[in-house]
Amino acid sequence: MPDPRVTKLAKLLIHYSLELKAGQELFLWTSPLANELNLAVIEEAIKAGAHVDVINDIPGADEIFYKYASDAQLDYYSPITKMRVENFDALLRIDAKHNTRVLSGVDPERIARYRKNSYSKFMKTYMERTAKKELNWVITVYPTPAMAQDADMSLSDYQEFVYGAGMLNEENPVKFWMEEGKKQQKLIDWLKGRKQAVLKGENVDLTMSIEERIFVSANGRNNFPDGEIFTSPREDSANGWIRFRYPSIYEGQEIHDIELWFENGKVVKEKASKNQDLLTALLDTDAGSRFLGEWGIGTNYGIQKFTKNILFDEKIGGTIHLAVGAGIIEAGGKNESGLHWDMICDMHNAEVTLDGDLFYKNGKPVI
């Protein structure tokens, strides 16, 4: 008997997040570790009249690929992957890791090469089609022992955390997320038409322009659980400094105490207390990877524990996140890159002003 919250999650993903219709094609990208949720999702999709194509991540396969692939194999862009991202109507990604550190021993230059020469092609089409609403997508998590261990929780406690963050203990979680969308829209309405953002505090002294850019409300449509508003700053506008006290995770590798210095939009200096070489390699992925693709503000005050999973951590109320790399087209972003990598900054001792008007102070909007 499946956990009733898993059944509820499957229904929410198919009918609320993806709004899947009869005749549409769904690409389910998942793991065998999430089989309970996989089967529930497939059942809901089939009942909706959709066509389902499944790809399962085989535990350990990524490590083998990055360790032994030739340059030609790292650069290869599968025509099957190309077909899926160009033609499918919906993408559901279920993250269910068997080992969050599986790539810790892999040369970061090899990962960067793959992202630059292969994955960037997928990302470009993906960003274009999602911005045009041609491809609906959502990413979620299925709790595994490895992910629970990362979060310093038992598996049962982590399951409660995951399902609680998604409000799946509620009778009608969709109603909750729709109400959250209305609250976030009020923030977006205030931000509309603003130009200059100034972030000042213990961990940040940064200015950015959001002129002619759009803030987007995230309320369970594309990430689940959710809770943020985000935009793409103007590519040449970031100036100043920011420090990310939370560890930043990339393919299971932790980079600690990241500091970035920006001039005219570009990261001109970077520093980390752990994995400095990986940080530099990521920022050197391609021509766009030293520029900002996203500025997000976490609005989920029900998530207060850092779990080393960006799906939850970027939503933490009282934080912002910046992503270097690919811009978000629907927000007006123009930066192109094979990288889109989020880093989280604590804002409890900071403030944000827009065009001189106070918007955010000590971890909360004040409008």
Protein backbone atom coordinates (compact mmCIF):
# COMPACT_ATOMS: atom_id res chain seq x y z
CA MET A 1 0.00 0.00 0.00
CA PRO A 2 1.66 3.27 -1.08
CA ASP A 3 1.92 6.20 1.30
CA PRO A 4 -1.28 8.22 0.62
CA ARG A 5 0.89 11.34 0.39
CA VAL A 6 2.72 9.79 -2.56
CA THR A 7 -0.59 9.23 -4.35
CA LYS A 8 -1.57 12.81 -3.54
CA LEU A 9 1.78 14.05 -4.87
CA ALA A 10 1.36 12.12 -8.14
CA LYS A 11 -2.08 13.63 -8.70
CA LEU A 12 -0.77 17.12 -7.94
CA LEU A 13 2.20 16.79 -10.31
CA ILE A 14 0.13 15.50 -13.22
CA HIS A 15 -2.98 17.65 -12.86
CA TYR A 16 -1.78 20.88 -11.17
CA SER A 17 1.91 21.27 -12.03
CA LEU A 18 1.86 19.83 -15.55
CA GLU A 19 -1.86 20.11 -16.35
CA LEU A 20 -1.35 17.03 -18.52
CA LYS A 21 -3.99 16.47 -21.20
CA ALA A 22 -5.09 13.50 -23.30
CA GLY A 23 -2.80 12.91 -26.26
CA GLN A 24 0.16 14.81 -24.79
CA GLU A 25 3.60 13.22 -24.48
CA LEU A 26 5.22 13.07 -21.03
CA PHE A 27 8.93 12.46 -20.55
CA LEU A 28 9.42 10.96 -17.08
CA TRP A 29 13.07 11.24 -16.03
CA THR A 30 13.48 9.36 -12.78
CA SER A 31 15.26 6.67 -10.76
CA PRO A 32 14.31 3.11 -9.82
CA LEU A 33 14.67 4.22 -6.18
CA ALA A 34 11.51 6.30 -6.67
CA ASN A 35 9.44 3.38 -7.92
CA GLU A 36 6.57 4.03 -5.51
CA LEU A 37 6.13 7.54 -6.94
CA ASN A 38 7.00 6.44 -10.50
CA LEU A 39 4.10 3.99 -10.60
CA ALA A 40 1.67 6.48 -9.09
CA VAL A 41 2.69 9.13 -11.64
CA ILE A 42 2.45 6.72 -14.58
CA GLU A 43 -1.01 5.63 -13.44
CA GLU A 44 -2.24 9.24 -13.23
CA ALA A 45 -0.71 10.11 -16.61
CA ILE A 46 -2.24 7.08 -18.34
CA LYS A 47 -5.63 7.81 -16.78
CA ALA A 48 -5.32 11.36 -18.13
CA GLY A 49 -4.87 9.91 -21.64
CA ALA A 50 -1.21 10.91 -22.01
CA HIS A 51 1.65 8.97 -23.59
CA VAL A 52 4.49 8.26 -21.15
CA ASP A 53 8.16 7.76 -22.03
CA VAL A 54 10.37 6.77 -19.08
CA ILE A 55 14.12 7.01 -18.60
CA ASN A 56 15.59 5.62 -15.39
CA ASP A 57 18.91 6.85 -14.02
CA ILE A 58 20.97 3.73 -13.29
CA PRO A 59 22.79 4.21 -9.96
CA GLY A 60 26.53 4.57 -10.65
CA ALA A 61 26.22 5.14 -14.40
CA ASP A 62 27.19 8.83 -14.25
CA GLU A 63 30.41 8.00 -12.42
CA ILE A 64 31.37 5.43 -15.07
CA PHE A 65 30.58 7.90 -17.85
CA TYR A 66 32.65 10.78 -16.47
CA LYS A 67 35.59 8.56 -15.52
CA TYR A 68 35.95 6.64 -18.78
CA ALA A 69 34.30 8.65 -21.58
CA SER A 70 36.52 9.92 -24.38
CA ASP A 71 36.37 13.58 -25.39
CA ALA A 72 34.13 12.58 -28.28
CA GLN A 73 31.76 10.84 -25.88
CA LEU A 74 31.73 13.84 -23.51
CA ASP A 75 30.84 16.07 -26.47
CA TYR A 76 28.15 13.75 -27.87
CA TYR A 77 24.57 15.04 -27.91
CA SER A 78 22.15 12.14 -28.17
CA PRO A 79 19.60 12.46 -31.00
CA ILE A 80 17.07 10.77 -28.70
CA THR A 81 17.57 13.46 -26.04
CA LYS A 82 17.34 16.09 -28.78
CA MET A 83 14.07 14.59 -30.03
CA ARG A 84 12.55 14.54 -26.56
CA VAL A 85 13.36 18.13 -25.64
CA GLU A 86 12.26 19.41 -29.06
CA ASN A 87 8.95 17.53 -29.23
CA PHE A 88 7.55 16.38 -25.90
CA ASP A 89 4.79 18.35 -24.19
CA ALA A 90 5.83 17.75 -20.58
CA LEU A 91 8.90 16.83 -18.54
CA LEU A 92 8.74 15.43 -15.01
CA ARG A 93 12.07 15.04 -13.21
CA ILE A 94 12.06 12.97 -10.01
CA ASP A 95 15.29 13.32 -8.02
CA ALA A 96 15.98 10.17 -5.98
CA LYS A 97 19.71 9.81 -5.41
CA HIS A 98 21.35 6.59 -4.26
CA ASN A 99 24.64 8.36 -3.43
CA THR A 100 24.89 12.15 -3.36
CA ARG A 101 28.71 11.98 -3.49
CA VAL A 102 29.02 9.62 -6.45
CA LEU A 103 30.89 12.21 -8.56
CA SER A 104 33.22 13.45 -5.82
CA GLY A 105 36.21 11.71 -7.42
CA VAL A 106 35.53 12.98 -10.94
CA ASP A 107 37.73 15.64 -12.55
CA PRO A 108 35.57 18.80 -12.63
CA GLU A 109 37.06 19.72 -16.01
CA ARG A 110 35.37 16.65 -17.53
CA ILE A 111 32.00 17.63 -16.10
CA ALA A 112 32.50 21.19 -17.36
CA ARG A 113 33.37 19.91 -20.84
CA TYR A 114 30.20 17.82 -21.03
CA ARG A 115 28.06 20.75 -19.90
CA LYS A 116 29.68 23.11 -22.40
CA ASN A 117 29.61 20.89 -25.49
CA SER A 118 26.59 18.62 -24.95
CA TYR A 119 24.27 19.61 -22.12
CA SER A 120 24.25 23.27 -23.20
CA LYS A 121 22.42 22.24 -26.40
CA PHE A 122 19.71 20.57 -24.33
CA MET A 123 19.51 23.61 -22.03
CA LYS A 124 19.14 26.08 -24.90
CA THR A 125 16.16 24.25 -26.41
CA TYR A 126 14.70 23.56 -22.96
CA MET A 127 14.86 27.23 -21.95
CA GLU A 128 13.37 28.39 -25.26
CA ARG A 129 10.46 25.92 -25.23
CA THR A 130 9.61 26.42 -21.55
CA ALA A 131 9.62 30.20 -22.02
CA LYS A 132 7.15 29.83 -24.91
CA LYS A 133 4.99 27.46 -22.79
CA GLU A 134 5.52 24.73 -25.38
CA LEU A 135 7.06 22.45 -22.76
CA ASN A 136 5.56 22.18 -19.28
CA TRP A 137 7.97 20.91 -16.65
CA VAL A 138 8.28 20.16 -12.96
CA ILE A 139 11.05 18.84 -10.72
CA THR A 140 10.40 17.05 -7.44
CA VAL A 141 12.12 14.83 -4.89
CA TYR A 142 11.49 11.31 -3.67
CA PRO A 143 13.13 10.71 -0.26
CA THR A 144 16.04 8.24 -0.20
CA PRO A 145 18.44 7.19 2.58
CA ALA A 146 21.34 9.06 0.93
CA MET A 147 19.38 12.30 0.74
CA ALA A 148 18.19 11.89 4.32
CA GLN A 149 21.79 11.39 5.43
CA ASP A 150 22.83 14.59 3.66
CA ALA A 151 20.12 16.44 5.56
CA ASP A 152 21.29 14.90 8.88
CA MET A 153 17.95 13.14 9.33
CA SER A 154 16.65 9.62 9.59
CA LEU A 155 14.76 8.44 6.51
CA SER A 156 11.41 8.67 8.30
CA ASP A 157 12.15 12.20 9.52
CA TYR A 158 13.27 13.21 6.04
CA GLN A 159 10.08 11.80 4.54
CA GLU A 160 8.08 13.92 6.98
CA PHE A 161 10.19 16.96 6.05
CA VAL A 162 9.72 16.44 2.29
CA TYR A 163 5.99 15.80 2.41
CA GLY A 164 5.45 18.51 5.00
CA ALA A 165 7.29 21.08 2.87
CA GLY A 166 4.92 20.24 0.02
CA MET A 167 1.88 20.56 2.30
CA LEU A 168 0.94 16.99 1.39
CA ASN A 169 -0.44 16.39 4.87
CA GLU A 170 -3.13 18.95 4.04
CA GLU A 171 -6.45 17.77 2.67
CA ASN A 172 -6.08 20.07 -0.35
CA PRO A 173 -2.43 21.00 -1.02
CA VAL A 174 -3.33 22.58 -4.38
CA LYS A 175 -5.44 25.17 -2.57
CA PHE A 176 -2.46 26.06 -0.37
CA TRP A 177 -0.12 26.54 -3.33
CA MET A 178 -2.64 28.63 -5.22
CA GLU A 179 -2.98 30.90 -2.17
CA GLU A 180 0.81 31.16 -1.96
CA GLY A 181 0.81 32.26 -5.57
CA LYS A 182 -1.56 35.11 -4.71
CA LYS A 183 0.68 36.27 -1.85
CA GLN A 184 3.75 36.18 -4.07
CA GLN A 185 1.92 38.08 -6.80
CA LYS A 186 1.55 41.03 -4.41
CA LEU A 187 5.34 41.20 -4.12
CA ILE A 188 5.71 40.96 -7.88
CA ASP A 189 3.17 43.74 -8.43
CA TRP A 190 5.23 46.02 -6.16
CA LEU A 191 8.44 45.13 -8.01
CA LYS A 192 6.96 45.74 -11.46
CA GLY A 193 8.63 48.62 -13.27
CA ARG A 194 11.45 48.95 -10.74
CA LYS A 195 14.98 49.37 -12.06
CA GLN A 196 17.85 49.38 -9.58
CA ALA A 197 18.25 46.80 -6.80
CA VAL A 198 20.69 47.46 -3.95
CA LEU A 199 21.49 44.60 -1.56
CA LYS A 200 23.44 45.51 1.58
CA GLY A 201 24.24 43.48 4.67
CA GLU A 202 26.56 41.18 6.53
CA ASN A 203 27.08 38.95 3.49
CA VAL A 204 26.38 41.26 0.56
CA ASP A 205 27.12 44.65 -0.95
CA LEU A 206 25.75 44.36 -4.47
CA THR A 207 23.82 46.38 -7.03
CA MET A 208 21.91 44.96 -10.01
CA SER A 209 19.53 46.30 -12.62
CA ILE A 210 16.17 44.60 -13.19
CA GLU A 211 15.00 47.23 -15.68
CA GLU A 212 12.58 45.68 -18.20
CA ARG A 213 12.92 42.32 -16.47
CA ILE A 214 10.01 40.27 -15.09
CA PHE A 215 9.67 38.61 -11.69
CA VAL A 216 8.10 35.15 -11.81
CA SER A 217 6.06 33.56 -9.01
CA ALA A 218 6.96 29.95 -8.21
CA ASN A 219 4.09 28.19 -6.45
CA GLY A 220 4.38 24.50 -7.24
CA ARG A 221 4.10 24.57 -11.01
CA ASN A 222 7.76 23.94 -11.89
CA ASN A 223 9.37 22.97 -8.58
CA PHE A 224 7.70 20.92 -5.91
CA PRO A 225 7.81 21.87 -3.13
CA ASP A 226 8.15 25.53 -3.98
CA GLY A 227 8.15 29.06 -2.62
CA GLU A 228 10.17 31.78 -4.35
CA ILE A 229 10.00 34.70 -6.72
CA PHE A 230 12.78 35.15 -9.24
CA THR A 231 14.04 37.15 -12.19
CA SER A 232 17.08 37.47 -14.45
CA PRO A 233 19.09 40.64 -13.75
CA ARG A 234 20.43 42.63 -16.68
CA GLU A 235 23.53 40.80 -17.80
CA ASP A 236 25.97 43.73 -17.55
CA SER A 237 24.60 45.26 -14.36
CA ALA A 238 25.92 43.41 -11.29
CA ASN A 239 28.59 45.28 -9.36
CA GLY A 240 29.92 44.51 -5.90
CA TRP A 241 30.44 41.54 -3.63
CA ILE A 242 28.49 38.65 -2.12
CA ARG A 243 29.33 35.81 0.26
CA PHE A 244 27.44 32.52 0.40
CA ARG A 245 27.63 31.08 3.91
CA TYR A 246 25.65 27.98 3.00
CA PRO A 247 27.73 25.32 1.19
CA SER A 248 27.05 25.29 -2.53
CA ILE A 249 26.58 21.82 -3.99
CA TYR A 250 27.49 20.85 -7.53
CA GLU A 251 27.02 17.24 -8.68
CA GLY A 252 27.49 16.10 -5.08
CA GLN A 253 30.66 18.12 -4.48
CA GLU A 254 30.56 20.82 -1.79
CA ILE A 255 32.12 24.24 -2.23
CA HIS A 256 32.35 26.19 1.03
CA ASP A 257 32.35 29.92 1.84
CA ILE A 258 32.06 31.15 -1.74
CA GLU A 259 32.73 34.84 -2.30
CA LEU A 260 32.18 36.49 -5.68
CA TRP A 261 33.18 39.95 -6.89
CA PHE A 262 31.30 41.45 -9.86
CA GLU A 263 32.23 44.20 -12.28
CA ASN A 264 29.78 45.21 -15.01
CA GLY A 265 27.91 41.93 -14.64
CA LYS A 266 30.90 39.58 -14.72
CA VAL A 267 32.50 37.60 -11.91
CA VAL A 268 36.05 38.99 -11.92
CA LYS A 269 37.24 37.29 -8.74
CA GLU A 270 36.13 34.20 -6.85
CA LYS A 271 37.16 32.64 -3.56
CA ALA A 272 36.23 29.52 -1.59
CA SER A 273 37.58 27.81 1.52
CA LYS A 274 36.96 24.35 0.02
CA ASN A 275 37.03 23.23 -3.64
CA GLN A 276 38.32 26.52 -5.04
CA ASP A 277 39.49 24.73 -8.20
CA LEU A 278 35.99 23.37 -8.84
CA LEU A 279 34.49 26.83 -8.34
CA THR A 280 36.86 28.33 -10.92
CA ALA A 281 36.28 25.45 -13.35
CA LEU A 282 32.51 25.95 -13.16
CA LEU A 283 32.78 29.71 -13.67
CA ASP A 284 34.98 29.03 -16.70
CA THR A 285 32.49 26.58 -18.26
CA ASP A 286 31.77 28.89 -21.19
CA ALA A 287 31.41 32.55 -22.18
CA GLY A 288 28.21 33.00 -20.18
CA SER A 289 29.05 31.19 -16.96
CA ARG A 290 30.60 34.20 -15.18
CA PHE A 291 27.41 36.24 -15.58
CA LEU A 292 24.20 36.08 -13.56
CA GLY A 293 21.24 34.18 -14.92
CA GLU A 294 18.94 34.48 -11.90
CA TRP A 295 18.19 36.39 -8.72
CA GLY A 296 15.67 34.60 -6.52
CA ILE A 297 14.07 35.35 -3.15
CA GLY A 298 13.02 32.43 -0.93
CA THR A 299 9.48 32.77 0.42
CA ASN A 300 8.86 29.39 2.07
CA TYR A 301 9.20 30.12 5.78
CA GLY A 302 8.10 26.55 6.52
CA ILE A 303 11.54 25.40 5.29
CA GLN A 304 14.17 26.51 7.80
CA LYS A 305 16.66 23.64 7.68
CA PHE A 306 19.48 23.48 5.15
CA THR A 307 19.40 20.01 3.58
CA LYS A 308 22.04 20.19 0.82
CA ASN A 309 19.30 19.87 -1.79
CA ILE A 310 18.75 23.01 -3.86
CA LEU A 311 15.09 22.20 -4.50
CA PHE A 312 14.44 22.93 -0.81
CA ASP A 313 17.34 25.16 0.13
CA GLU A 314 16.74 27.93 -2.41
CA LYS A 315 13.20 28.28 -1.04
CA ILE A 316 14.26 28.92 2.58
CA GLY A 317 12.51 32.01 3.90
CA GLY A 318 15.08 34.65 4.82
CA THR A 319 17.46 33.83 1.97
CA ILE A 320 18.14 34.92 -1.57
CA HIS A 321 19.91 32.94 -4.24
CA LEU A 322 21.94 33.92 -7.27
CA ALA A 323 22.56 31.59 -10.19
CA VAL A 324 25.50 32.02 -12.53
CA GLY A 325 24.99 30.90 -16.10
CA ALA A 326 21.89 30.51 -18.23
CA GLY A 327 19.32 33.26 -17.94
CA ILE A 328 15.60 32.63 -17.58
CA ILE A 329 13.98 33.61 -20.85
CA GLU A 330 10.46 34.08 -19.42
CA ALA A 331 11.94 36.63 -17.00
CA GLY A 332 13.67 38.48 -19.83
CA GLY A 333 17.06 36.83 -19.36
CA LYS A 334 19.38 36.74 -22.35
CA ASN A 335 22.50 35.05 -20.98
CA GLU A 336 23.35 31.73 -22.63
CA SER A 337 25.39 29.04 -20.89
CA GLY A 338 25.54 25.30 -20.29
CA LEU A 339 25.61 26.13 -16.58
CA HIS A 340 22.80 27.30 -14.30
CA TRP A 341 24.03 26.97 -10.73
CA ASP A 342 22.33 28.42 -7.66
CA MET A 343 24.11 29.68 -4.54
CA ILE A 344 22.28 30.70 -1.35
CA CYS A 345 22.87 33.80 0.77
CA ASP A 346 21.47 34.37 4.28
CA MET A 347 19.70 37.75 4.41
CA HIS A 348 18.69 37.93 8.09
CA ASN A 349 21.12 40.81 8.65
CA ALA A 350 20.57 42.62 5.38
CA GLU A 351 18.19 44.80 3.42
CA VAL A 352 17.13 45.23 -0.19
CA THR A 353 16.00 48.49 -1.74
CA LEU A 354 14.54 49.07 -5.19
CA ASP A 355 15.01 52.55 -6.64
CA GLY A 356 15.63 53.77 -3.09
CA ASP A 357 12.47 52.22 -1.59
CA LEU A 358 12.86 49.58 1.13
CA PHE A 359 11.55 46.19 -0.04
CA TYR A 360 13.15 43.62 2.25
CA LYS A 361 14.78 43.75 5.69
CA ASN A 362 16.26 41.13 8.01
CA GLY A 363 14.92 38.16 6.08
CA LYS A 364 11.42 39.36 5.17
CA PRO A 365 9.62 41.61 2.69
CA VAL A 366 8.40 44.80 4.41
CA ILE A 367 5.98 46.20 1.86
